[in-house]
Structures are given as C-alpha cells and as structure tokens.
C-alpha cells in the first residue's frame, strides 16, 4: 500500500495550519510504467484534524508515526509539539507523545536498531 498525507484544499484559504490533514491509502499499481493516481484510486481516506504541521513520517509495524507541531503552539488539540501514532488498519490516532517540553519543533524521526 501507499500512504500519503496532504492538507485538505479549499478549507480555510491559504492558512495551512488551520486546514485539516487528510491521510489517504492507495493500492500500488501493478505492471504499469507510468503511475498516475486519481480520486478513484483512493482505497481509504480519513481527515486528521490534530496533525496540523507534519515534519516527518515513518511506518513501522502497521503504525504511522508523524512528527508534528508548531513552535508557538497556537492550537488547542493536543501538545504543541509531538509524535502522533496512527493505526493504519483503522486509520485512527492511537496516541500523541508529548514533546512540548523540548524548545523547538520536531523536524524528523527514524527508527534505528542494532
């Protein structure tokens, strides 16, 4: 599967911070050289209003981890800087790991083993 996150267009002007984020799931095309996705190719779609400025994403063990947040914390839907954990089966937010104790935005994440 292919997952993508994007700001919902046309919601509140050009202010992306106020626009909801959409997580979409696509099936990977088979046997095609040129890949073009349309709305008809979306398998599932969910609006994630609590993931306003995603900095980086990683998928591991059926979960999507999103580093997100704002320096000034001007929102009211959770910690201002955090890692959001999303279950890819249900496309629901499992938890938000608070990083607001740190002084700046999380810019990336990765899993390192060994």
N, C-alpha and C. Protein backbone atom coordinates (compact mmCIF):
# COMPACT_ATOMS: atom_id res chain seq x y z
N UNK A 1 0.83 -1.20 0.00
CA UNK A 1 0.00 0.00 0.00
C UNK A 1 0.87 1.25 0.00
N UNK A 2 0.31 2.30 -0.49
CA UNK A 2 0.96 3.61 -0.47
C UNK A 2 0.10 4.55 0.36
N UNK A 3 0.72 5.25 1.30
CA UNK A 3 0.01 6.21 2.14
C UNK A 3 0.56 7.59 1.86
N UNK A 4 -0.32 8.57 1.86
CA UNK A 4 0.11 9.95 1.70
C UNK A 4 -0.72 10.84 2.60
N UNK A 5 -0.09 11.92 3.02
CA UNK A 5 -0.79 12.92 3.83
C UNK A 5 -0.73 14.24 3.07
N UNK A 6 -1.83 14.97 3.11
CA UNK A 6 -1.88 16.26 2.42
C UNK A 6 -2.84 17.18 3.15
N UNK A 7 -2.65 18.47 2.97
CA UNK A 7 -3.59 19.43 3.52
C UNK A 7 -4.85 19.42 2.67
N UNK A 8 -6.00 19.44 3.31
CA UNK A 8 -7.28 19.50 2.61
C UNK A 8 -7.37 20.85 1.92
N UNK A 9 -7.50 20.85 0.62
CA UNK A 9 -7.51 22.11 -0.12
C UNK A 9 -8.86 22.80 -0.02
N UNK A 10 -8.81 24.11 -0.12
CA UNK A 10 -10.02 24.90 -0.15
C UNK A 10 -10.75 25.03 1.16
N UNK A 11 -10.11 24.66 2.26
CA UNK A 11 -10.81 24.71 3.54
C UNK A 11 -10.84 26.10 4.16
N UNK A 12 -9.70 26.69 4.38
CA UNK A 12 -9.66 27.98 5.06
C UNK A 12 -8.62 28.88 4.42
N UNK A 13 -8.75 29.09 3.14
CA UNK A 13 -7.81 29.94 2.45
C UNK A 13 -6.44 29.30 2.36
N UNK A 14 -5.43 30.11 2.47
CA UNK A 14 -4.06 29.64 2.34
C UNK A 14 -3.41 29.32 3.68
N UNK A 15 -4.14 29.39 4.76
CA UNK A 15 -3.57 29.13 6.07
C UNK A 15 -3.56 27.63 6.33
N UNK A 16 -2.46 26.96 5.96
CA UNK A 16 -2.37 25.50 6.08
C UNK A 16 -2.49 25.04 7.51
N UNK A 17 -2.08 25.85 8.46
CA UNK A 17 -2.13 25.44 9.86
C UNK A 17 -3.57 25.20 10.30
N UNK A 18 -4.52 25.93 9.72
CA UNK A 18 -5.92 25.76 10.08
C UNK A 18 -6.63 24.72 9.23
N UNK A 19 -5.99 24.23 8.16
CA UNK A 19 -6.60 23.24 7.29
C UNK A 19 -6.40 21.84 7.87
N UNK A 20 -7.42 21.00 7.78
CA UNK A 20 -7.24 19.63 8.25
C UNK A 20 -6.29 18.86 7.33
N UNK A 21 -5.66 17.86 7.89
CA UNK A 21 -4.77 16.99 7.13
C UNK A 21 -5.54 15.72 6.78
N UNK A 22 -5.35 15.26 5.55
CA UNK A 22 -6.03 14.05 5.08
C UNK A 22 -4.99 12.95 4.88
N UNK A 23 -5.26 11.78 5.44
CA UNK A 23 -4.44 10.60 5.22
C UNK A 23 -5.17 9.72 4.23
N UNK A 24 -4.48 9.36 3.14
CA UNK A 24 -5.10 8.54 2.09
C UNK A 24 -4.29 7.28 1.86
N UNK A 25 -5.00 6.21 1.54
CA UNK A 25 -4.37 4.93 1.24
C UNK A 25 -4.67 4.56 -0.21
N UNK A 26 -3.63 4.17 -0.94
CA UNK A 26 -3.77 3.75 -2.33
C UNK A 26 -3.22 2.34 -2.47
N UNK A 27 -3.75 1.59 -3.42
CA UNK A 27 -3.16 0.31 -3.78
C UNK A 27 -2.00 0.60 -4.73
N UNK A 28 -0.93 -0.15 -4.61
CA UNK A 28 0.19 0.04 -5.51
C UNK A 28 -0.18 -0.52 -6.89
N UNK A 29 0.08 0.24 -7.94
CA UNK A 29 -0.25 -0.24 -9.29
C UNK A 29 0.66 -1.40 -9.68
N UNK A 30 0.11 -2.32 -10.44
CA UNK A 30 0.88 -3.48 -10.87
C UNK A 30 1.07 -3.44 -12.39
N UNK A 31 2.31 -3.59 -12.81
CA UNK A 31 2.61 -3.73 -14.22
C UNK A 31 2.48 -2.47 -15.06
N UNK A 32 2.40 -1.31 -14.44
CA UNK A 32 2.31 -0.07 -15.21
C UNK A 32 3.62 0.69 -15.08
N UNK A 33 4.11 1.20 -16.20
CA UNK A 33 5.34 2.00 -16.15
C UNK A 33 5.04 3.39 -15.61
N UNK A 34 4.03 4.03 -16.13
CA UNK A 34 3.64 5.36 -15.68
C UNK A 34 2.56 5.22 -14.62
N UNK A 35 2.78 5.83 -13.49
CA UNK A 35 1.81 5.76 -12.40
C UNK A 35 1.13 7.11 -12.27
N UNK A 36 -0.19 7.10 -12.40
CA UNK A 36 -0.99 8.30 -12.23
C UNK A 36 -2.15 7.93 -11.32
N UNK A 37 -2.26 8.61 -10.18
CA UNK A 37 -3.35 8.36 -9.25
C UNK A 37 -4.45 9.39 -9.45
N UNK A 38 -5.68 8.93 -9.32
CA UNK A 38 -6.84 9.82 -9.35
C UNK A 38 -7.66 9.58 -8.09
N UNK A 39 -8.72 10.34 -7.91
CA UNK A 39 -9.61 10.13 -6.76
C UNK A 39 -10.17 8.72 -6.74
N UNK A 40 -10.35 8.12 -7.91
CA UNK A 40 -10.90 6.77 -7.99
C UNK A 40 -9.95 5.71 -7.43
N UNK A 41 -8.67 6.04 -7.31
CA UNK A 41 -7.68 5.09 -6.80
C UNK A 41 -7.55 5.10 -5.28
N UNK A 42 -8.22 6.01 -4.62
CA UNK A 42 -8.14 6.08 -3.17
C UNK A 42 -8.93 4.93 -2.56
N UNK A 43 -8.25 4.10 -1.78
CA UNK A 43 -8.93 2.99 -1.11
C UNK A 43 -9.62 3.46 0.16
N UNK A 44 -8.90 4.25 0.94
CA UNK A 44 -9.46 4.80 2.17
C UNK A 44 -8.93 6.21 2.36
N UNK A 45 -9.73 7.02 3.05
CA UNK A 45 -9.37 8.42 3.29
C UNK A 45 -9.93 8.83 4.65
N UNK A 46 -9.12 9.51 5.45
CA UNK A 46 -9.59 9.98 6.75
C UNK A 46 -8.98 11.36 7.01
N UNK A 47 -9.78 12.23 7.61
CA UNK A 47 -9.32 13.56 7.99
C UNK A 47 -8.74 13.47 9.40
N UNK A 48 -7.53 14.01 9.55
CA UNK A 48 -6.84 14.01 10.84
C UNK A 48 -6.67 15.46 11.28
N UNK A 49 -7.66 16.04 11.93
CA UNK A 49 -7.57 17.46 12.27
C UNK A 49 -6.50 17.77 13.31
N UNK A 50 -5.95 16.77 13.98
CA UNK A 50 -4.97 17.06 15.02
C UNK A 50 -3.53 16.93 14.54
N UNK A 51 -3.31 16.80 13.26
CA UNK A 51 -1.94 16.71 12.72
C UNK A 51 -1.75 17.89 11.77
N UNK A 52 -1.47 19.06 12.35
CA UNK A 52 -1.50 20.28 11.53
C UNK A 52 -0.25 20.53 10.72
N UNK A 53 0.91 20.40 11.27
CA UNK A 53 2.14 20.65 10.52
C UNK A 53 3.03 19.43 10.70
N UNK A 54 2.93 18.49 9.75
CA UNK A 54 3.73 17.28 9.88
C UNK A 54 5.12 17.52 9.31
N UNK A 55 6.13 17.17 10.07
CA UNK A 55 7.51 17.41 9.68
C UNK A 55 8.12 16.18 9.02
N UNK A 56 7.78 14.99 9.51
CA UNK A 56 8.36 13.76 9.00
C UNK A 56 7.42 12.61 9.35
N UNK A 57 7.53 11.52 8.60
CA UNK A 57 6.67 10.36 8.82
C UNK A 57 7.48 9.08 8.65
N UNK A 58 7.14 8.07 9.42
CA UNK A 58 7.73 6.74 9.29
C UNK A 58 6.64 5.70 9.55
N UNK A 59 6.70 4.59 8.82
CA UNK A 59 5.77 3.49 9.04
C UNK A 59 6.55 2.32 9.61
N UNK A 60 5.99 1.74 10.69
CA UNK A 60 6.61 0.58 11.33
C UNK A 60 5.53 -0.24 12.00
N UNK A 61 5.51 -1.55 11.69
CA UNK A 61 4.59 -2.50 12.33
C UNK A 61 3.14 -2.04 12.26
N UNK A 62 2.70 -1.58 11.10
CA UNK A 62 1.30 -1.21 10.93
C UNK A 62 0.90 0.11 11.55
N UNK A 63 1.88 0.88 11.96
CA UNK A 63 1.59 2.19 12.55
C UNK A 63 2.36 3.27 11.81
N UNK A 64 1.72 4.40 11.66
CA UNK A 64 2.34 5.57 11.06
C UNK A 64 2.72 6.52 12.19
N UNK A 65 3.97 6.90 12.24
CA UNK A 65 4.48 7.83 13.24
C UNK A 65 4.72 9.17 12.55
N UNK A 66 4.12 10.23 13.07
CA UNK A 66 4.23 11.54 12.45
C UNK A 66 4.80 12.53 13.46
N UNK A 67 5.95 13.12 13.11
CA UNK A 67 6.49 14.21 13.91
C UNK A 67 5.73 15.46 13.50
N UNK A 68 5.10 16.12 14.47
CA UNK A 68 4.24 17.26 14.15
C UNK A 68 4.35 18.32 15.22
N UNK A 69 3.98 19.53 14.84
CA UNK A 69 3.92 20.57 15.85
C UNK A 69 4.27 21.94 15.35
N UNK A 70 4.02 22.88 16.21
CA UNK A 70 4.29 24.28 15.94
C UNK A 70 5.15 24.85 17.04
N UNK A 71 6.02 25.75 16.68
CA UNK A 71 6.89 26.37 17.68
C UNK A 71 6.08 27.14 18.71
N UNK A 72 5.09 27.90 18.25
CA UNK A 72 4.33 28.73 19.19
C UNK A 72 3.16 28.01 19.83
N UNK A 73 2.81 26.82 19.33
CA UNK A 73 1.75 26.02 19.93
C UNK A 73 0.37 26.64 19.85
N UNK A 74 0.08 27.41 18.80
CA UNK A 74 -1.21 28.08 18.68
C UNK A 74 -2.28 27.16 18.11
N UNK A 75 -2.69 26.23 18.88
CA UNK A 75 -3.82 25.36 18.57
C UNK A 75 -4.34 24.79 19.87
N UNK A 76 -5.42 24.03 19.79
CA UNK A 76 -5.99 23.52 21.04
C UNK A 76 -6.38 22.05 20.91
N UNK A 77 -5.60 21.25 20.22
CA UNK A 77 -5.96 19.84 20.04
C UNK A 77 -4.85 18.89 20.48
N UNK A 78 -4.11 19.24 21.48
CA UNK A 78 -3.08 18.34 21.98
C UNK A 78 -1.79 19.10 22.23
N UNK A 79 -0.75 18.37 22.59
CA UNK A 79 0.54 19.03 22.83
C UNK A 79 0.99 19.81 21.60
N UNK A 80 1.66 20.93 21.82
CA UNK A 80 2.07 21.77 20.69
C UNK A 80 3.15 21.12 19.83
N UNK A 81 3.96 20.26 20.41
CA UNK A 81 4.98 19.53 19.66
C UNK A 81 4.90 18.08 20.10
N UNK A 82 4.78 17.18 19.12
CA UNK A 82 4.50 15.80 19.49
C UNK A 82 4.80 14.82 18.36
N UNK A 83 4.77 13.55 18.71
CA UNK A 83 4.76 12.46 17.73
C UNK A 83 3.37 11.85 17.80
N UNK A 84 2.69 11.83 16.67
CA UNK A 84 1.34 11.27 16.59
C UNK A 84 1.47 9.84 16.05
N UNK A 85 0.84 8.89 16.73
CA UNK A 85 0.88 7.48 16.33
C UNK A 85 -0.49 7.11 15.76
N UNK A 86 -0.51 6.66 14.51
CA UNK A 86 -1.75 6.35 13.80
C UNK A 86 -1.77 4.88 13.42
N UNK A 87 -2.84 4.18 13.77
CA UNK A 87 -3.04 2.79 13.38
C UNK A 87 -3.48 2.76 11.92
N UNK A 88 -2.74 2.05 11.07
CA UNK A 88 -3.07 2.04 9.65
C UNK A 88 -4.22 1.11 9.29
N UNK A 89 -4.61 0.21 10.19
CA UNK A 89 -5.80 -0.61 9.93
C UNK A 89 -7.07 0.21 10.11
N UNK A 90 -7.14 0.94 11.19
CA UNK A 90 -8.35 1.72 11.48
C UNK A 90 -8.24 3.18 11.04
N UNK A 91 -7.02 3.61 10.67
CA UNK A 91 -6.74 5.00 10.34
C UNK A 91 -7.17 5.94 11.46
N UNK A 92 -6.91 5.50 12.69
CA UNK A 92 -7.26 6.33 13.84
C UNK A 92 -6.00 6.66 14.64
N UNK A 93 -6.06 7.78 15.34
CA UNK A 93 -4.94 8.19 16.18
C UNK A 93 -4.95 7.35 17.45
N UNK A 94 -3.84 6.64 17.69
CA UNK A 94 -3.72 5.82 18.89
C UNK A 94 -3.25 6.64 20.09
N UNK A 95 -2.26 7.49 19.85
CA UNK A 95 -1.77 8.34 20.94
C UNK A 95 -0.93 9.47 20.38
N UNK A 96 -0.69 10.44 21.23
CA UNK A 96 0.18 11.56 20.91
C UNK A 96 1.26 11.62 21.99
N UNK A 97 2.51 11.52 21.58
CA UNK A 97 3.63 11.56 22.51
C UNK A 97 4.09 13.01 22.63
N UNK A 98 3.96 13.55 23.80
CA UNK A 98 4.22 14.97 24.05
C UNK A 98 5.72 15.28 23.99
N UNK A 99 6.08 16.21 23.12
CA UNK A 99 7.45 16.70 23.03
C UNK A 99 7.52 18.20 23.33
N UNK A 100 6.44 18.74 23.87
CA UNK A 100 6.38 20.19 24.09
C UNK A 100 7.34 20.67 25.17
N UNK A 101 7.89 19.76 25.95
CA UNK A 101 8.89 20.13 26.94
C UNK A 101 10.19 20.54 26.27
N UNK A 102 10.36 20.14 25.00
CA UNK A 102 11.55 20.50 24.24
C UNK A 102 11.36 21.90 23.67
N UNK A 103 12.42 22.59 23.32
CA UNK A 103 12.32 24.00 22.97
C UNK A 103 11.91 24.31 21.55
N UNK A 104 11.85 23.34 20.65
CA UNK A 104 11.55 23.65 19.26
C UNK A 104 10.72 22.54 18.61
N UNK A 105 10.39 22.72 17.33
CA UNK A 105 9.57 21.76 16.60
C UNK A 105 10.35 20.48 16.31
N UNK A 106 9.67 19.32 16.33
CA UNK A 106 10.34 18.09 15.88
C UNK A 106 10.45 18.12 14.36
N UNK A 107 11.64 18.02 13.84
CA UNK A 107 11.85 18.13 12.39
C UNK A 107 11.98 16.78 11.70
N UNK A 108 12.12 15.70 12.44
CA UNK A 108 12.28 14.41 11.79
C UNK A 108 12.21 13.29 12.80
N UNK A 109 12.14 12.05 12.30
CA UNK A 109 12.17 10.89 13.16
C UNK A 109 12.65 9.70 12.35
N UNK A 110 13.15 8.69 13.03
CA UNK A 110 13.62 7.48 12.38
C UNK A 110 13.71 6.38 13.42
N UNK A 111 13.72 5.16 12.98
CA UNK A 111 13.89 4.02 13.86
C UNK A 111 15.27 3.43 13.59
N UNK A 112 16.07 3.26 14.63
CA UNK A 112 17.42 2.72 14.48
C UNK A 112 17.53 1.52 15.42
N UNK A 113 17.91 0.40 14.87
CA UNK A 113 18.05 -0.82 15.66
C UNK A 113 19.45 -1.37 15.48
N UNK A 114 20.01 -1.95 16.54
CA UNK A 114 21.29 -2.63 16.44
C UNK A 114 22.43 -1.92 16.93
